[in-house]
Structure formats: structure tokens, C-alpha cells
Amino acid sequence: MSWVADLRDKVNDESAVVGIVGLGYVGLPLAVSFSKKFKVIGYNNKPEKVEILQQGKSYIEDVKDEDLNLNSFHPTSDYQKLEKCDFIIIAVPTPLREDKSPDLSYIENAGETLGKILHKGQFVILKSTTYPGTTEDFLAPILEETSNLKVGEDFGLAYSPERVDPGNKKYKIENTANVVGGLTPEFTSICKMLFEDVTGNVIEVKDCKTAEAVKMIENIFRNVNIALVNELSLIFEKMDIDLWESIEAAKTKPYGFMPFYPGPGVGGHCIPLDPYYLSYRAKHFGIIPRFIETAGEINDFMPIHTVNLAKKGLKKIDKKLRGSKILVLGMAYKSNISDTRESPAVNIIEELKEAGSQVKVYDPHTSCIKTRYGPFHSEKDLKTSLKWADCAIIVTDHDAFIENPTMINMVKKDEIIIVDTRNALKLKTDESDYYIKL
């Protein structure tokens, strides 16, 4: 096909125009990376976000203002400008519905939008995390129906799982291997050519659904192993065994072991969601993924268990959850970032409020978190907040909390109950009756 050859030529001479649909935690870093080699048109349907970018300012922590080269990166809220693109990469959210079934409405909307401008010779790549079969069985028909074109004959289609890790200073798009799988071997090859210009190592797989499976494997692996250590923490707590000390000792084995750590629940844009995506798809093939679903249930229980630990601690000072002053330390889902997506802090706050507790929050990296009880805004001063509280729950292991001298001093003096779900203070439980470790 002559249009495929034209795309190859444009990649080789760097004249290709790359479109990015969705300028969030995945799309914006991707746009910045591609803009180092190609002209990039970044589309977002939120004009207020686009205006910020057009002023040369970034709203994503991992992208600095100086990273935005507006000579080659052109943010817009006008989808019709995507008509000029040779390659269009979709990087939109894939959340869950309340019943934990996949919500593909963002991909559907993106497909319908692209279908309005799609013309022969363009190449569409889905980056959004989703279950195997989405690209070929869900996205392709939408594109064909809205554009009146035929995938394979008139336009190309491939899948490449996103591997953005917010806050990771070591691994960025440029030094993280990228996986690609096309609808045909030829489409896989041209997709590889494109990504080789922004990532050093590109891995080809058989097809779209194999590439989609890669992302499922990566995140379900982490989810089930986190669930394993969370269950171990529940068991060893009853046995009066410090799981954290046991894990550190287990790490000394040079083979056959990889450390995972317990916590108050899982968060972020992938780990809490992906198991349910695959579970949903598996049932359509007559498989009930019991192991995967059990892991999800264990991790979903951990915010409740965290509140139970606070209740246990408050008994030491003859108080109940109702009416007690609880300080939640950390709203982000992981350390040293502001991202609160799917953070376990939400469920912990809601459980505490439901129990009648007075709740305040503190996070040095983010100012607000939304809950069904309304938004909670971070307190300004940690020391003042600690003095206010009967109990503090360390939800996120921000550097500001690691071995924090104020908290260590207060808990050792029995001035506050501290529930440490991240081993942030690195104390032994026998150093203070007021210190409770997950």
C-alpha cells in the first residue's frame, strides 16, 4: 500500500506529524517526547487545560514548563486540527464503573471524534490501558463506522501499552522499553519505527491483543503480590510478627524472591483497575479468575483494616472512633507526588467520617482530595496538625514523613497514637504502646 510507504518515509525524514488525544499523565509526557523529533498536535477537550499549555505552563509534575517547546508542540481543543496528523495516539483514561466493570466511554468518545476527521493514510495507535481485544473489537468498528473507511485498507491501527510511572526520576519514556502490536505485521513494523525515535528499545509482539495483554500482566503481577503481603500482614499481626523485618531478611536471598510491601490499599491509574478489566474480559471466555478477584478483594479491604487499627489504638487512650480527632497523613497514592487518583486515602477518610470521627488531612505535595463527604483540604502545618490529633494515620510514605523526628518524639512520649501503614517511622512496635504498624 502506497500510503504505508509514505508513512515510513515521513518517519525516516522526521516530517511526520504526530497527534496526541488526551494530554494528561500519559499524553502530555508523550507529546513532549515526540516533539523533540516531530511536529506534535496535542488535543484535549478541556479548553482551560489547553490554555495553560499554550501559555507555556505545565500542569503535570513530571513535565516542567521548560520541557514545553511550543515551536513543535501545538496544544489545541479543536479536534479538526488532527486531520493534519499522520499518526494519532489515543491516551485517554480507562476508569471503572461503580460495579467495577470497564468504562470504555473515553475510548469510545475518542474514536467517534477521530472518525469525523480520519482520512486515508492515517495511522491510529491506542495507548490507554485496557483488556485484550479492545483495539480490534471495540475501537476499530467505531473508527470504521464514523469515518466510512476500512481499517487495514485505508488506515492503520496498533496498540502500545503506556508505561508512564508518575514521579519516577529514573525511568522516563526515553529509557523505558516500549511494546507495540499492530493489526497486521506491517502495522507492527511501522509502529516500531515511530517509537524508536523516542524510546531506545521497542519490543514487537504478534498483534494488538498480545500487546494489550502485556499491560494486564505487568499490573496484575503487582496487584496479586501486594495482596499476598497484605494478607501476610493480617496473619502475622495476629502472631505478633513484624512483617517488615521478615521481608528485609527475606530480601537477602539472592534468587527466587522479589520484595513487595503491605499498605493501606492500592492506588493510581493502573493497579487498582487492571485486574477488574481482565476479570471482566475473562468471563466472556467462560473463565472465572478467582485468584485475581480474591487479590482485589484483599487490597480493597486494607483501608477498612487501617481504620480498624486506628480504632485499636484509640482504645489505649479510652477513646472511640466517634468524636476522636484523626489526622490522615498523605492524600497521594504514592510517595512524593501529588496524584490522588484511586488513592486509598479516599476510602480511609470516608470510613472515618462514617464512624463519626473528626478528620483533618495533611499532604506536602497536594492541596485537596475529593471524597463523597466533600473535598478535604490539606492543613498548612504538620506540627500544629499533630498536636491537634488524637491519632495520626500515615497513608503515604512521603519523604517528609520518613523517620520524622516530631512524630517519633510524640509517639515515644505517648502524646499521640500513630498508625504507620508504610513503615515510614521505621520504629519497632515495642518502642511505644502508641505506635501501631501495619
Protein backbone atom coordinates (compact mmCIF):
# COMPACT_ATOMS: atom_id res chain seq x y z
CA MET A 1 0.00 0.00 0.00
CA SER A 2 1.47 3.31 -1.10
CA TRP A 3 0.21 5.22 1.94
CA VAL A 4 2.12 2.88 4.25
CA ALA A 5 5.30 3.57 2.31
CA ASP A 6 4.58 7.29 2.59
CA LEU A 7 4.30 6.97 6.38
CA ARG A 8 7.63 5.15 6.53
CA ASP A 9 9.27 7.91 4.52
CA LYS A 10 7.83 10.59 6.81
CA VAL A 11 9.12 8.80 9.91
CA ASN A 12 12.56 8.42 8.35
CA ASP A 13 12.88 12.08 7.34
CA GLU A 14 11.12 13.26 10.54
CA SER A 15 8.42 15.09 8.58
CA ALA A 16 5.59 13.05 10.15
CA VAL A 17 3.01 14.95 12.20
CA VAL A 18 2.04 13.16 15.41
CA GLY A 19 -1.29 13.76 17.13
CA ILE A 20 -1.92 13.01 20.80
CA VAL A 21 -5.51 12.68 22.02
CA GLY A 22 -5.59 13.30 25.77
CA LEU A 23 -2.99 15.48 27.49
CA GLY A 24 -2.91 14.02 30.96
CA TYR A 25 -0.38 11.98 32.95
CA VAL A 26 0.35 9.80 29.89
CA GLY A 27 -0.45 12.02 26.93
CA LEU A 28 1.46 15.14 27.92
CA PRO A 29 4.82 13.44 28.63
CA LEU A 30 4.33 11.51 25.38
CA ALA A 31 3.68 14.74 23.47
CA VAL A 32 6.83 16.30 24.92
CA SER A 33 8.93 13.28 23.92
CA PHE A 34 7.63 13.19 20.35
CA SER A 35 8.00 16.96 19.96
CA LYS A 36 11.77 16.55 20.22
CA LYS A 37 11.73 14.91 16.77
CA PHE A 38 8.37 15.65 15.17
CA LYS A 39 5.69 18.28 14.93
CA VAL A 40 3.05 17.34 17.52
CA ILE A 41 -0.60 18.38 17.72
CA GLY A 42 -1.93 17.72 21.18
CA TYR A 43 -5.71 17.57 21.50
CA ASN A 44 -7.60 17.92 24.77
CA ASN A 45 -11.33 18.56 25.02
CA LYS A 46 -10.87 20.81 28.04
CA PRO A 47 -10.10 24.34 26.75
CA GLU A 48 -8.90 25.53 30.17
CA LYS A 49 -6.14 22.87 30.15
CA VAL A 50 -5.14 23.79 26.60
CA GLU A 51 -4.92 27.48 27.53
CA ILE A 52 -2.46 26.65 30.31
CA LEU A 53 -0.26 24.72 27.89
CA GLN A 54 -0.47 27.44 25.26
CA GLN A 55 0.99 29.81 27.86
CA GLY A 56 3.99 27.50 28.16
CA LYS A 57 2.96 26.16 31.55
CA SER A 58 2.60 22.53 32.60
CA TYR A 59 0.01 21.11 34.99
CA ILE A 60 1.74 17.71 35.24
CA GLU A 61 4.54 17.29 37.81
CA ASP A 62 6.69 15.14 35.54
CA VAL A 63 6.63 17.79 32.80
CA LYS A 64 8.43 21.05 33.57
CA ASP A 65 7.49 24.33 31.93
CA GLU A 66 10.81 24.41 30.11
CA ASP A 67 10.02 20.99 28.58
CA LEU A 68 7.21 22.52 26.53
CA ASN A 69 8.57 23.50 23.13
CA LEU A 70 5.68 25.39 21.57
CA ASN A 71 7.55 25.59 18.28
CA SER A 72 6.97 21.87 17.74
CA PHE A 73 4.20 21.11 20.23
CA HIS A 74 0.83 22.65 19.42
CA PRO A 75 -1.88 22.10 22.06
CA THR A 76 -5.45 22.59 20.89
CA SER A 77 -9.08 21.96 21.83
CA ASP A 78 -10.07 21.85 18.16
CA TYR A 79 -10.18 18.19 17.11
CA GLN A 80 -10.32 19.13 13.42
CA LYS A 81 -6.64 20.04 13.57
CA LEU A 82 -5.92 16.33 13.99
CA GLU A 83 -6.76 15.96 10.30
CA LYS A 84 -3.22 17.17 9.56
CA CYS A 85 -1.67 14.30 11.51
CA ASP A 86 -0.04 11.21 10.06
CA PHE A 87 -0.10 9.28 13.34
CA ILE A 88 -2.70 9.79 16.08
CA ILE A 89 -2.08 8.33 19.53
CA ILE A 90 -5.02 7.92 21.91
CA ALA A 91 -4.08 8.36 25.57
CA VAL A 92 -7.36 8.77 27.44
CA PRO A 93 -8.49 7.43 30.85
CA THR A 94 -9.98 3.96 31.25
CA PRO A 95 -11.70 4.01 34.66
CA LEU A 96 -14.10 1.55 36.27
CA ARG A 97 -17.83 1.96 36.73
CA GLU A 98 -19.26 1.67 40.23
CA ASP A 99 -19.88 -2.05 39.66
CA LYS A 100 -16.17 -2.42 38.77
CA SER A 101 -16.87 -3.13 35.11
CA PRO A 102 -14.70 -1.39 32.48
CA ASP A 103 -15.71 2.10 31.44
CA LEU A 104 -14.57 2.47 27.82
CA SER A 105 -16.55 5.66 27.22
CA TYR A 106 -13.39 7.78 26.89
CA ILE A 107 -12.03 5.47 24.19
CA GLU A 108 -15.44 5.43 22.53
CA ASN A 109 -15.63 9.24 22.52
CA ALA A 110 -12.08 9.50 21.20
CA GLY A 111 -12.88 7.03 18.42
CA GLU A 112 -16.03 8.89 17.42
CA THR A 113 -14.15 12.19 17.41
CA LEU A 114 -11.32 10.81 15.28
CA GLY A 115 -13.80 9.20 12.90
CA LYS A 116 -15.04 12.66 11.94
CA ILE A 117 -11.65 13.69 10.58
CA LEU A 118 -10.00 10.35 9.75
CA HIS A 119 -8.84 10.04 6.16
CA LYS A 120 -6.94 7.52 4.11
CA GLY A 121 -3.29 7.18 5.02
CA GLN A 122 -3.54 7.97 8.74
CA PHE A 123 -2.39 5.62 11.50
CA VAL A 124 -4.13 5.30 14.88
CA ILE A 125 -2.37 3.93 17.98
CA LEU A 126 -4.21 3.22 21.22
CA LYS A 127 -2.14 3.79 24.39
CA SER A 128 -4.87 3.61 27.02
CA THR A 129 -4.71 0.65 29.40
CA THR A 130 -7.45 -1.84 28.58
CA TYR A 131 -8.32 -5.52 28.26
CA PRO A 132 -7.16 -7.67 25.31
CA GLY A 133 -9.41 -7.24 22.31
CA THR A 134 -10.31 -3.57 22.81
CA THR A 135 -8.32 -2.20 19.87
CA GLU A 136 -9.56 -4.68 17.31
CA ASP A 137 -13.06 -5.47 18.59
CA PHE A 138 -14.11 -2.14 20.12
CA LEU A 139 -12.10 0.76 18.71
CA ALA A 140 -11.74 -0.43 15.10
CA PRO A 141 -15.51 -0.73 14.44
CA ILE A 142 -16.10 2.76 15.88
CA LEU A 143 -13.44 4.27 13.63
CA GLU A 144 -14.78 2.44 10.57
CA GLU A 145 -18.40 3.36 11.22
CA THR A 146 -17.80 7.05 11.83
CA SER A 147 -15.24 7.53 9.04
CA ASN A 148 -16.68 5.20 6.37
CA LEU A 149 -13.15 3.88 5.92
CA LYS A 150 -11.80 0.35 6.19
CA VAL A 151 -9.12 -0.47 8.75
CA GLY A 152 -6.16 -2.14 7.09
CA GLU A 153 -7.02 -0.82 3.66
CA ASP A 154 -7.48 2.87 4.36
CA PHE A 155 -5.87 3.48 7.75
CA GLY A 156 -3.53 1.73 10.15
CA LEU A 157 -4.21 0.57 13.70
CA ALA A 158 -1.97 -0.63 16.53
CA TYR A 159 -1.75 -0.85 20.30
CA SER A 160 1.14 0.16 22.52
CA PRO A 161 0.73 -0.03 26.32
CA GLU A 162 1.64 3.07 28.27
CA ARG A 163 4.48 2.73 30.76
CA VAL A 164 4.45 6.09 32.50
CA ASP A 165 5.31 5.94 36.20
CA PRO A 166 4.44 9.32 37.78
CA GLY A 167 7.20 10.65 39.99
CA ASN A 168 9.82 8.16 38.81
CA LYS A 169 13.06 10.12 38.42
CA LYS A 170 15.00 7.23 36.88
CA TYR A 171 12.71 5.74 34.24
CA LYS A 172 11.14 8.07 31.71
CA ILE A 173 9.61 7.46 28.27
CA GLU A 174 13.04 7.80 26.65
CA ASN A 175 14.72 4.99 28.63
CA THR A 176 11.78 2.62 29.16
CA ALA A 177 11.23 -0.18 26.63
CA ASN A 178 8.08 0.25 24.57
CA VAL A 179 5.88 -2.63 23.38
CA VAL A 180 3.99 -2.46 20.07
CA GLY A 181 1.49 -4.74 18.39
CA GLY A 182 -0.34 -3.91 15.17
CA LEU A 183 -3.41 -5.23 13.43
CA THR A 184 -1.01 -6.68 10.83
CA PRO A 185 2.74 -7.42 10.94
CA GLU A 186 3.29 -4.45 8.62
CA PHE A 187 1.46 -2.14 11.05
CA THR A 188 3.54 -3.51 13.93
CA SER A 189 6.69 -2.72 11.99
CA ILE A 190 5.76 0.89 11.19
CA CYS A 191 4.61 1.47 14.76
CA LYS A 192 8.00 0.25 15.92
CA MET A 193 9.71 2.68 13.54
CA LEU A 194 7.78 5.58 15.02
CA PHE A 195 8.50 4.78 18.65
CA GLU A 196 12.17 4.05 18.00
CA ASP A 197 12.56 7.80 17.59
CA VAL A 198 11.51 8.45 21.20
CA THR A 199 12.45 5.23 23.04
CA GLY A 200 15.68 3.31 22.71
CA ASN A 201 14.19 -0.17 22.85
CA VAL A 202 10.97 -1.20 21.10
CA ILE A 203 9.58 -4.71 21.52
CA GLU A 204 7.39 -6.13 18.75
CA VAL A 205 4.66 -8.63 19.65
CA LYS A 206 2.31 -10.63 17.43
CA ASP A 207 -0.76 -8.38 17.42
CA CYS A 208 -2.85 -5.81 19.27
CA LYS A 209 -4.35 -8.17 21.81
CA THR A 210 -0.93 -9.56 22.74
CA ALA A 211 0.30 -6.01 23.39
CA GLU A 212 -2.84 -5.33 25.46
CA ALA A 213 -2.14 -8.49 27.46
CA VAL A 214 1.36 -7.23 28.28
CA LYS A 215 -0.07 -4.34 30.29
CA MET A 216 -2.52 -6.62 32.09
CA ILE A 217 0.29 -8.99 33.08
CA GLU A 218 2.53 -6.19 34.37
CA ASN A 219 -0.06 -4.68 36.67
CA ILE A 220 -1.89 -7.82 37.78
CA PHE A 221 1.50 -9.26 38.77
CA ARG A 222 1.97 -6.31 41.11
CA ASN A 223 -1.61 -6.37 42.34
CA VAL A 224 -1.60 -10.02 43.38
CA ASN A 225 1.81 -9.78 45.04
CA ILE A 226 0.73 -6.72 47.00
CA ALA A 227 -2.39 -8.66 48.01
CA LEU A 228 -0.17 -11.53 49.14
CA VAL A 229 1.89 -9.39 51.51
CA ASN A 230 -1.26 -7.60 52.69
CA GLU A 231 -2.74 -10.96 53.65
CA LEU A 232 0.53 -11.93 55.30
CA SER A 233 0.42 -8.70 57.30
CA LEU A 234 -3.05 -9.64 58.58
CA ILE A 235 -1.83 -13.11 59.57
CA PHE A 236 1.47 -12.03 61.12
CA GLU A 237 -0.22 -9.24 63.07
CA LYS A 238 -2.14 -11.95 64.97
CA MET A 239 1.12 -13.85 65.52
CA ASP A 240 2.93 -10.75 66.81
CA ILE A 241 5.46 -10.91 63.96
CA ASP A 242 6.91 -7.78 62.34
CA LEU A 243 6.33 -8.46 58.62
CA TRP A 244 8.58 -5.58 57.61
CA GLU A 245 11.53 -7.11 59.44
CA SER A 246 10.77 -10.51 57.90
CA ILE A 247 10.68 -9.05 54.38
CA GLU A 248 14.02 -7.28 54.88
CA ALA A 249 15.55 -10.60 55.92
CA ALA A 250 13.90 -12.46 53.02
CA LYS A 251 15.44 -9.93 50.60
CA THR A 252 18.88 -11.28 51.40
CA LYS A 253 18.11 -14.39 49.33
CA PRO A 254 19.84 -13.66 46.00
CA TYR A 255 17.41 -15.63 43.84
CA GLY A 256 13.76 -16.63 43.67
CA PHE A 257 12.43 -13.71 45.73
CA MET A 258 11.18 -10.22 44.90
CA PRO A 259 10.13 -7.94 47.78
CA PHE A 260 6.65 -6.42 47.90
CA TYR A 261 5.31 -4.47 50.85
CA PRO A 262 1.95 -4.17 52.59
CA GLY A 263 -0.01 -0.95 52.65
CA PRO A 264 -3.38 0.70 53.26
CA GLY A 265 -4.66 -0.28 49.81
CA VAL A 266 -3.56 0.19 46.21
CA GLY A 267 -3.92 3.36 44.18
CA GLY A 268 -3.02 5.02 40.92
CA HIS A 269 -4.21 4.76 37.36
CA CYS A 270 -3.49 1.07 36.76
CA ILE A 271 -3.01 -1.37 39.64
CA PRO A 272 -6.46 -0.98 41.27
CA LEU A 273 -8.23 -1.13 37.89
CA ASP A 274 -6.49 -3.57 35.58
CA PRO A 275 -7.40 -6.79 37.44
CA TYR A 276 -11.07 -5.94 37.02
CA TYR A 277 -10.56 -5.20 33.33
CA LEU A 278 -9.10 -8.65 32.71
CA SER A 279 -11.61 -10.31 35.02
CA TYR A 280 -14.45 -8.79 33.02
CA ARG A 281 -12.97 -9.97 29.73
CA ALA A 282 -12.10 -13.45 31.05
CA LYS A 283 -15.73 -14.13 31.97
CA HIS A 284 -16.71 -13.57 28.34
CA PHE A 285 -14.49 -16.57 27.56
CA GLY A 286 -16.07 -18.72 30.29
CA ILE A 287 -13.27 -18.26 32.82
CA ILE A 288 -13.83 -17.08 36.40
CA PRO A 289 -10.49 -15.57 37.53
CA ARG A 290 -10.82 -16.42 41.23
CA PHE A 291 -7.21 -15.72 42.15
CA ILE A 292 -7.23 -12.27 40.53
CA GLU A 293 -10.57 -11.32 42.06
CA THR A 294 -9.51 -12.52 45.52
CA ALA A 295 -6.41 -10.34 45.30
CA GLY A 296 -8.63 -7.36 44.50
CA GLU A 297 -10.86 -8.13 47.48
CA ILE A 298 -7.88 -8.28 49.85
CA ASN A 299 -6.48 -4.97 48.64
CA ASP A 300 -9.93 -3.36 48.81
CA PHE A 301 -10.19 -4.48 52.44
CA MET A 302 -6.97 -2.78 53.56
CA PRO A 303 -8.45 0.75 54.01
CA ILE A 304 -11.04 -0.79 56.36
CA HIS A 305 -8.31 -2.66 58.22
CA THR A 306 -6.35 0.58 58.54
CA VAL A 307 -9.34 2.20 60.24
CA ASN A 308 -9.67 -0.87 62.47
CA LEU A 309 -6.04 -0.34 63.56
CA ALA A 310 -6.87 3.28 64.43
CA LYS A 311 -9.82 2.02 66.48
CA LYS A 312 -7.49 -0.44 68.25
CA GLY A 313 -5.04 2.36 69.03
CA LEU A 314 -7.68 4.72 70.36
CA LYS A 315 -8.77 2.09 72.87
CA LYS A 316 -5.40 2.57 74.53
CA ILE A 317 -6.49 6.10 75.49
CA ASP A 318 -10.08 5.14 76.25
CA LYS A 319 -11.47 6.73 73.11
CA LYS A 320 -13.62 5.51 70.24
CA LEU A 321 -13.59 6.47 66.60
CA ARG A 322 -16.70 8.58 67.07
CA GLY A 323 -15.68 12.05 68.12
CA SER A 324 -11.93 11.36 68.00
CA LYS A 325 -9.63 13.67 66.09
CA ILE A 326 -7.90 11.73 63.30
CA LEU A 327 -5.16 13.19 61.11
CA VAL A 328 -4.66 11.45 57.75
CA LEU A 329 -1.07 11.92 56.59
CA GLY A 330 -0.81 11.68 52.82
CA MET A 331 -3.50 12.01 50.17
CA ALA A 332 -1.46 10.98 47.11
CA TYR A 333 -1.49 7.32 46.13
CA LYS A 334 2.31 7.04 46.35
CA SER A 335 5.27 8.91 47.74
CA ASN A 336 6.43 12.37 46.71
CA ILE A 337 3.82 13.09 44.04
CA SER A 338 0.51 14.99 44.02
CA ASP A 339 -1.52 12.38 42.13
CA THR A 340 -4.58 11.28 44.16
CA ARG A 341 -6.19 9.01 41.58
CA GLU A 342 -7.70 5.95 43.28
CA SER A 343 -5.77 6.80 46.45
CA PRO A 344 -6.63 4.60 49.45
CA ALA A 345 -6.79 7.83 51.44
CA VAL A 346 -10.25 8.41 49.97
CA ASN A 347 -11.69 5.21 51.41
CA ILE A 348 -9.94 5.73 54.73
CA ILE A 349 -11.33 9.25 55.09
CA GLU A 350 -14.81 8.07 54.16
CA GLU A 351 -14.68 5.18 56.63
CA LEU A 352 -13.56 7.54 59.40
CA LYS A 353 -16.30 10.04 58.63
CA GLU A 354 -18.89 7.29 58.55
CA ALA A 355 -17.71 6.23 62.01
CA GLY A 356 -18.19 9.79 63.30
CA SER A 357 -14.54 10.84 63.55
CA GLN A 358 -13.29 14.39 63.16
CA VAL A 359 -10.90 14.24 60.20
CA LYS A 360 -8.14 16.50 59.02
CA VAL A 361 -5.61 15.79 56.29
CA TYR A 362 -2.05 16.87 55.61
CA ASP A 363 0.00 16.33 52.46
CA PRO A 364 3.05 18.40 51.45
CA HIS A 365 2.56 17.57 47.77
CA THR A 366 -1.15 18.06 47.12
CA SER A 367 -3.71 20.52 48.43
CA CYS A 368 -7.03 18.70 48.14
CA ILE A 369 -8.70 15.31 47.79
CA LYS A 370 -12.30 14.65 46.81
CA THR A 371 -14.50 12.26 48.79
CA ARG A 372 -18.21 11.57 48.98
CA TYR A 373 -18.17 13.77 52.10
CA GLY A 374 -16.86 16.64 50.01
CA PRO A 375 -13.33 17.91 49.41
CA PHE A 376 -10.71 17.73 52.15
CA HIS A 377 -8.01 20.40 52.04
CA SER A 378 -4.54 19.87 53.39
CA GLU A 379 -3.64 21.58 56.64
CA LYS A 380 -0.81 24.10 56.36
CA ASP A 381 1.42 22.94 59.20
CA LEU A 382 2.33 19.38 60.17
CA LYS A 383 3.36 20.06 63.78
CA THR A 384 0.19 22.00 64.55
CA SER A 385 -1.91 19.26 63.00
CA LEU A 386 -0.16 16.56 65.01
CA LYS A 387 -0.78 18.46 68.25
CA TRP A 388 -4.48 18.67 67.35
CA ALA A 389 -4.87 14.94 66.68
CA ASP A 390 -5.62 12.01 68.96
CA CYS A 391 -4.43 9.66 66.22
CA ALA A 392 -2.42 10.08 63.03
CA ILE A 393 -2.57 7.58 60.16
CA ILE A 394 0.42 7.56 57.80
CA VAL A 395 -1.13 6.64 54.44
CA THR A 396 1.62 7.83 52.07
CA ASP A 397 5.35 7.48 52.65
CA HIS A 398 6.35 10.97 51.55
CA ASP A 399 9.93 11.92 52.40
CA ALA A 400 8.52 14.48 54.82
CA PHE A 401 7.16 11.62 56.94
CA ILE A 402 10.13 9.23 56.76
CA GLU A 403 11.69 8.98 60.22
CA ASN A 404 10.03 12.31 61.05
CA PRO A 405 11.55 13.43 64.39
CA THR A 406 8.40 15.22 65.57
CA MET A 407 6.23 12.16 65.10
CA ILE A 408 8.83 9.82 66.61
CA ASN A 409 9.22 12.07 69.64
CA MET A 410 5.46 12.44 70.16
CA VAL A 411 4.67 8.74 69.86
CA LYS A 412 7.52 7.77 72.19
CA LYS A 413 6.17 10.24 74.76
CA ASP A 414 2.69 8.73 74.37
CA GLU A 415 1.33 12.05 73.12
CA ILE A 416 -0.37 10.63 70.02
CA ILE A 417 -1.48 7.31 68.54
CA ILE A 418 0.25 6.67 65.22
CA VAL A 419 -0.87 4.03 62.73
CA ASP A 420 2.02 3.56 60.32
CA THR A 421 0.83 1.74 57.19
CA ARG A 422 4.10 2.32 55.32
CA ASN A 423 6.76 1.67 57.97
CA ALA A 424 7.67 5.33 57.48
CA LEU A 425 8.92 5.92 61.02
CA LYS A 426 10.86 2.64 60.99
CA LEU A 427 10.21 2.02 64.68
CA LYS A 428 9.77 -1.30 66.43
CA THR A 429 6.31 -1.79 67.86
CA ASP A 430 7.79 -2.41 71.31
CA GLU A 431 9.30 1.10 71.34
CA SER A 432 5.91 2.62 72.13
CA ASP A 433 2.47 1.27 73.03
CA TYR A 434 1.09 4.16 70.99
CA TYR A 435 2.77 3.01 67.77
CA ILE A 436 0.85 0.57 65.57
CA LYS A 437 2.42 -0.77 62.40
CA LEU A 438 0.62 -2.49 59.54
